């Protein structure tokens, strides 16, 4: 997406409905380092009540940080929405200044399924302990191992070209599973087919959980897509990593769009 379209989309998101209202629920966003970039871009949106906690390198193996943050900001009697944005740091591993693909294999599906199973377990534990809190996992935006390592001064960033391509495929699959998790229909090795009611009812599980469908993540991937079209050919889309600050973190303009997308969900769920 071009910077012109990003700006246009920023102004197309209306948040004014919440300006004269009191929130009915608390909103808490716990994120990796991306959270700081988004928090820095909150200006005219300060009337929307949200707490953002940013912890660099946050992943599913650091749940003690998540629990500590929840305990400090949400009481058990509070009605709250918890947004968790931790997936990116589970897909890549940082050694020194550089990152590499955690699951550097074409047979990554079971690895991603195991990861989302851990997400599902954490979600269930939080919602069990905090009865009036709902958890929504945010999807993982594509990012480039190659460009990030180049930005960090790697002597041969081109060696990460294949890893970047594999990462993009893994992110696509992970986001599909996160969407299933948020709508409570996550299944290991799930397919694209709708899941049938276990009682052989013709109604699908997705239909039965329309209420849970409220807790979906904004689509961040769409903001990185650009299109090309040649005469006589279909339109093709590709991921434009250059709109990112360093191949990994969002630029100020993109951060502004993403925080407004998240705040729109806050308005819809909490006001």
Protein backbone atom coordinates (compact mmCIF):
# COMPACT_ATOMS: atom_id res chain seq x y z
CA UNK A 1 0.00 0.00 0.00
CA UNK A 2 1.36 3.42 -0.94
CA UNK A 3 1.89 6.13 1.67
CA UNK A 4 -0.91 8.10 0.03
CA UNK A 5 -3.34 5.22 0.62
CA UNK A 6 -2.08 4.75 4.17
CA UNK A 7 -2.85 8.40 4.94
CA UNK A 8 -6.26 8.07 3.29
CA UNK A 9 -7.06 5.00 5.39
CA UNK A 10 -5.95 6.76 8.57
CA UNK A 11 -8.50 9.52 8.05
CA UNK A 12 -11.20 7.07 6.98
CA UNK A 13 -11.29 5.45 10.44
CA UNK A 14 -13.88 7.25 12.55
CA UNK A 15 -13.37 7.17 16.31
CA UNK A 16 -15.49 10.17 17.28
CA UNK A 17 -18.40 8.08 18.57
CA UNK A 18 -16.45 7.46 21.77
CA UNK A 19 -15.57 11.08 22.51
CA UNK A 20 -18.67 11.77 24.61
CA UNK A 21 -19.04 8.29 26.05
CA UNK A 22 -17.67 6.52 29.09
CA UNK A 23 -16.06 3.13 28.46
CA UNK A 24 -18.06 0.14 29.67
CA UNK A 25 -14.97 -2.07 29.63
CA UNK A 26 -11.26 -1.65 30.15
CA UNK A 27 -8.92 -2.13 27.20
CA UNK A 28 -5.39 -3.48 27.61
CA UNK A 29 -2.87 -4.14 24.84
CA UNK A 30 0.17 -6.27 25.69
CA UNK A 31 2.63 -6.36 22.81
CA UNK A 32 6.24 -6.86 21.84
CA UNK A 33 8.37 -3.89 20.74
CA UNK A 34 5.76 -2.92 18.14
CA UNK A 35 3.55 -1.70 20.96
CA UNK A 36 5.92 1.17 21.70
CA UNK A 37 5.81 2.37 18.09
CA UNK A 38 2.02 2.41 18.17
CA UNK A 39 1.83 4.14 21.55
CA UNK A 40 4.09 6.92 20.27
CA UNK A 41 1.53 7.79 17.58
CA UNK A 42 -1.44 8.32 19.89
CA UNK A 43 -2.28 12.04 19.75
CA UNK A 44 -5.80 13.04 18.76
CA UNK A 45 -6.98 9.62 19.97
CA UNK A 46 -6.14 10.22 23.64
CA UNK A 47 -9.83 10.38 24.57
CA UNK A 48 -10.02 6.61 24.02
CA UNK A 49 -9.08 4.72 27.16
CA UNK A 50 -6.48 2.03 26.47
CA UNK A 51 -3.39 0.90 28.34
CA UNK A 52 -0.46 -0.25 26.17
CA UNK A 53 2.35 -2.37 27.59
CA UNK A 54 5.30 -2.99 25.29
CA UNK A 55 7.92 -5.63 26.06
CA UNK A 56 10.66 -6.23 23.45
CA UNK A 57 11.00 -9.89 22.50
CA UNK A 58 7.71 -10.89 24.14
CA UNK A 59 6.61 -14.37 23.09
CA UNK A 60 4.61 -17.33 24.36
CA UNK A 61 7.52 -18.48 26.54
CA UNK A 62 7.36 -15.27 28.59
CA UNK A 63 3.84 -15.61 29.93
CA UNK A 64 5.00 -14.43 33.37
CA UNK A 65 5.26 -10.93 31.88
CA UNK A 66 1.73 -11.21 30.52
CA UNK A 67 0.33 -12.38 33.86
CA UNK A 68 2.19 -9.63 35.72
CA UNK A 69 0.80 -7.00 33.34
CA UNK A 70 -2.74 -8.34 33.68
CA UNK A 71 -2.54 -8.40 37.47
CA UNK A 72 -1.32 -4.79 37.54
CA UNK A 73 -4.06 -3.47 35.25
CA UNK A 74 -7.16 -5.66 35.50
CA UNK A 75 -9.08 -6.61 38.62
CA UNK A 76 -11.03 -9.85 38.63
CA UNK A 77 -14.32 -7.96 38.86
CA UNK A 78 -13.44 -5.70 35.89
CA UNK A 79 -15.06 -6.10 32.51
CA UNK A 80 -12.16 -5.92 30.08
CA UNK A 81 -10.82 -6.69 26.62
CA UNK A 82 -7.24 -7.92 26.46
CA UNK A 83 -5.41 -7.66 23.14
CA UNK A 84 -2.30 -9.85 22.90
CA UNK A 85 0.23 -9.13 20.15
CA UNK A 86 3.00 -11.66 20.74
CA UNK A 87 3.09 -13.89 17.66
CA UNK A 88 5.93 -12.19 15.69
CA UNK A 89 8.63 -13.01 18.24
CA UNK A 90 7.69 -16.70 18.17
CA UNK A 91 8.42 -17.03 14.45
CA UNK A 92 11.93 -15.59 14.45
CA UNK A 93 14.84 -15.91 16.84
CA UNK A 94 17.20 -13.06 17.65
CA UNK A 95 20.90 -13.71 18.16
CA UNK A 96 22.89 -10.56 18.80
CA UNK A 97 21.70 -7.90 16.37
CA UNK A 98 20.26 -10.27 13.77
CA UNK A 99 17.16 -12.46 13.43
CA UNK A 100 16.59 -15.79 11.71
CA UNK A 101 13.64 -18.06 11.04
CA UNK A 102 12.74 -20.22 14.04
CA UNK A 103 11.10 -22.96 11.97
CA UNK A 104 13.34 -23.03 8.90
CA UNK A 105 11.52 -25.87 7.18
CA UNK A 106 8.82 -26.31 4.57
CA UNK A 107 6.97 -28.63 7.00
CA UNK A 108 6.05 -25.91 9.47
CA UNK A 109 2.31 -26.51 9.87
CA UNK A 110 2.56 -28.73 12.95
CA UNK A 111 4.96 -26.23 14.55
CA UNK A 112 2.49 -23.38 14.01
CA UNK A 113 -0.38 -25.54 15.24
CA UNK A 114 1.55 -26.28 18.45
CA UNK A 115 2.20 -22.56 18.89
CA UNK A 116 -1.47 -21.66 18.49
CA UNK A 117 -2.41 -24.46 20.88
CA UNK A 118 -0.26 -22.67 23.48
CA UNK A 119 -2.07 -19.43 22.61
CA UNK A 120 -5.39 -21.22 23.09
CA UNK A 121 -4.30 -22.59 26.48
CA UNK A 122 -3.19 -19.14 27.64
CA UNK A 123 -6.47 -17.61 26.45
CA UNK A 124 -8.48 -20.22 28.34
CA UNK A 125 -6.43 -19.72 31.52
CA UNK A 126 -6.85 -15.95 31.45
CA UNK A 127 -10.59 -16.07 30.76
CA UNK A 128 -11.03 -18.68 33.49
CA UNK A 129 -9.20 -16.62 36.10
CA UNK A 130 -10.67 -13.29 34.97
CA UNK A 131 -14.30 -14.19 34.34
CA UNK A 132 -15.28 -10.84 32.81
CA UNK A 133 -12.25 -10.49 30.51
CA UNK A 134 -12.15 -11.51 26.86
CA UNK A 135 -8.86 -12.20 25.07
CA UNK A 136 -8.23 -11.26 21.45
CA UNK A 137 -4.98 -12.24 19.74
CA UNK A 138 -3.81 -9.74 17.15
CA UNK A 139 -2.64 -11.06 13.81
CA UNK A 140 1.00 -10.94 12.80
CA UNK A 141 1.90 -8.45 10.04
CA UNK A 142 4.44 -9.68 7.46
CA UNK A 143 8.02 -8.58 7.97
CA UNK A 144 11.36 -9.17 6.26
CA UNK A 145 14.27 -10.99 7.87
CA UNK A 146 16.46 -9.87 4.98
CA UNK A 147 15.69 -6.15 5.26
CA UNK A 148 15.89 -6.12 9.05
CA UNK A 149 19.31 -7.77 9.06
CA UNK A 150 20.43 -5.41 6.31
CA UNK A 151 19.30 -2.46 8.44
CA UNK A 152 21.28 -3.93 11.35
CA UNK A 153 24.44 -4.05 9.24
CA UNK A 154 24.68 -7.72 8.25
CA UNK A 155 27.48 -8.29 5.74
CA UNK A 156 25.38 -10.60 3.55
CA UNK A 157 21.63 -9.96 4.04
CA UNK A 158 20.78 -11.70 0.75
CA UNK A 159 21.37 -15.06 2.43
CA UNK A 160 18.07 -14.46 4.26
CA UNK A 161 15.97 -14.12 1.09
CA UNK A 162 14.66 -17.68 1.26
CA UNK A 163 13.97 -17.40 4.99
CA UNK A 164 11.94 -14.24 4.38
CA UNK A 165 9.82 -16.05 1.78
CA UNK A 166 9.23 -18.96 4.15
CA UNK A 167 8.38 -16.57 6.96
CA UNK A 168 5.71 -14.92 4.83
CA UNK A 169 4.07 -18.30 4.20
CA UNK A 170 4.21 -19.11 7.91
CA UNK A 171 2.64 -15.77 8.82
CA UNK A 172 -0.19 -16.40 6.35
CA UNK A 173 -0.90 -19.78 7.96
CA UNK A 174 -0.49 -18.44 11.51
CA UNK A 175 -2.96 -15.61 10.90
CA UNK A 176 -5.52 -18.05 9.58
CA UNK A 177 -5.18 -20.05 12.80
CA UNK A 178 -5.36 -16.91 14.93
CA UNK A 179 -8.65 -16.00 13.22
CA UNK A 180 -9.94 -19.46 14.09
CA UNK A 181 -8.73 -19.10 17.67
CA UNK A 182 -10.43 -15.72 18.11
CA UNK A 183 -13.70 -17.22 16.88
CA UNK A 184 -13.25 -20.30 19.07
CA UNK A 185 -13.06 -22.79 16.22
CA UNK A 186 -9.33 -23.50 16.30
CA UNK A 187 -8.48 -27.10 15.57
CA UNK A 188 -5.06 -28.63 15.05
CA UNK A 189 -4.48 -29.32 11.34
CA UNK A 190 -7.71 -27.59 10.50
CA UNK A 191 -8.86 -27.23 6.89
CA UNK A 192 -10.55 -24.49 4.93
CA UNK A 193 -13.87 -26.31 5.17
CA UNK A 194 -16.41 -25.06 7.74
CA UNK A 195 -16.45 -27.10 10.92
CA UNK A 196 -19.71 -28.96 11.46
CA UNK A 197 -21.62 -29.05 14.70
CA UNK A 198 -20.51 -32.15 16.69
CA UNK A 199 -24.17 -33.08 17.15
CA UNK A 200 -24.59 -33.34 13.36
CA UNK A 201 -26.62 -30.17 13.29
CA UNK A 202 -26.52 -28.48 9.89
CA UNK A 203 -25.50 -25.26 11.58
CA UNK A 204 -21.72 -24.75 11.62
CA UNK A 205 -19.71 -23.95 14.70
CA UNK A 206 -18.92 -20.61 13.11
CA UNK A 207 -22.63 -19.78 12.95
CA UNK A 208 -23.13 -20.85 16.54
CA UNK A 209 -20.41 -18.49 17.72
CA UNK A 210 -21.51 -15.26 16.08
CA UNK A 211 -21.07 -13.50 19.40
CA UNK A 212 -17.44 -14.63 19.67
CA UNK A 213 -16.83 -13.32 16.14
CA UNK A 214 -16.84 -9.85 17.68
CA UNK A 215 -13.35 -10.49 18.98
CA UNK A 216 -11.49 -10.46 15.69
CA UNK A 217 -8.17 -8.82 14.92
CA UNK A 218 -7.65 -5.96 12.49
CA UNK A 219 -6.06 -7.05 9.21
CA UNK A 220 -2.54 -5.61 9.20
CA UNK A 221 -1.32 -7.64 6.22
CA UNK A 222 -3.58 -5.73 3.85
CA UNK A 223 -1.72 -2.51 4.64
CA UNK A 224 1.53 -3.94 3.28
CA UNK A 225 0.14 -5.19 -0.03
CA UNK A 226 0.77 -3.43 -3.31
CA UNK A 227 -0.49 -4.43 -6.72
CA UNK A 228 1.03 -4.65 -10.17
CA UNK A 229 -0.75 -5.21 -13.44
CA UNK A 230 0.57 -5.65 -16.95
CA UNK A 231 -1.55 -5.51 -20.13
CA UNK A 232 -3.38 -8.77 -20.70
CA UNK A 233 -2.54 -10.14 -17.25
CA UNK A 234 -4.39 -10.40 -13.97
CA UNK A 235 -3.57 -8.05 -11.11
CA UNK A 236 -0.83 -9.43 -8.89
CA UNK A 237 -0.16 -8.50 -5.28
CA UNK A 238 3.12 -8.43 -3.41
CA UNK A 239 4.22 -7.45 0.08
CA UNK A 240 5.93 -4.07 0.20
CA UNK A 241 8.33 -4.37 3.14
CA UNK A 242 9.80 -0.96 2.38
CA UNK A 243 6.85 0.72 4.09
CA UNK A 244 8.20 -0.71 7.35
CA UNK A 245 10.73 1.33 9.31
CA UNK A 246 13.47 -1.30 9.27
CA UNK A 247 11.88 -4.33 7.64
CA UNK A 248 10.37 -5.31 11.00
CA UNK A 249 8.82 -2.39 12.90
CA UNK A 250 6.12 -0.10 11.51
CA UNK A 251 7.00 3.39 10.31
CA UNK A 252 5.35 6.33 12.13
CA UNK A 253 2.71 6.56 9.39
CA UNK A 254 1.95 2.84 9.49
CA UNK A 255 1.94 2.90 13.30
CA UNK A 256 -0.69 5.63 13.17
CA UNK A 257 -2.89 3.49 10.93
CA UNK A 258 -2.46 0.37 13.04
CA UNK A 259 -3.18 2.06 16.36
CA UNK A 260 -6.32 3.60 14.89
CA UNK A 261 -7.40 0.17 13.64
CA UNK A 262 -6.94 -1.24 17.13
CA UNK A 263 -8.68 1.73 18.74
CA UNK A 264 -11.62 1.21 16.40
CA UNK A 265 -11.96 -2.29 17.85
CA UNK A 266 -11.74 -0.77 21.34
CA UNK A 267 -14.60 1.60 20.53
CA UNK A 268 -16.69 -1.25 19.12
CA UNK A 269 -16.06 -3.56 22.08
CA UNK A 270 -15.74 -1.22 25.06
CA UNK A 271 -17.98 1.80 24.39
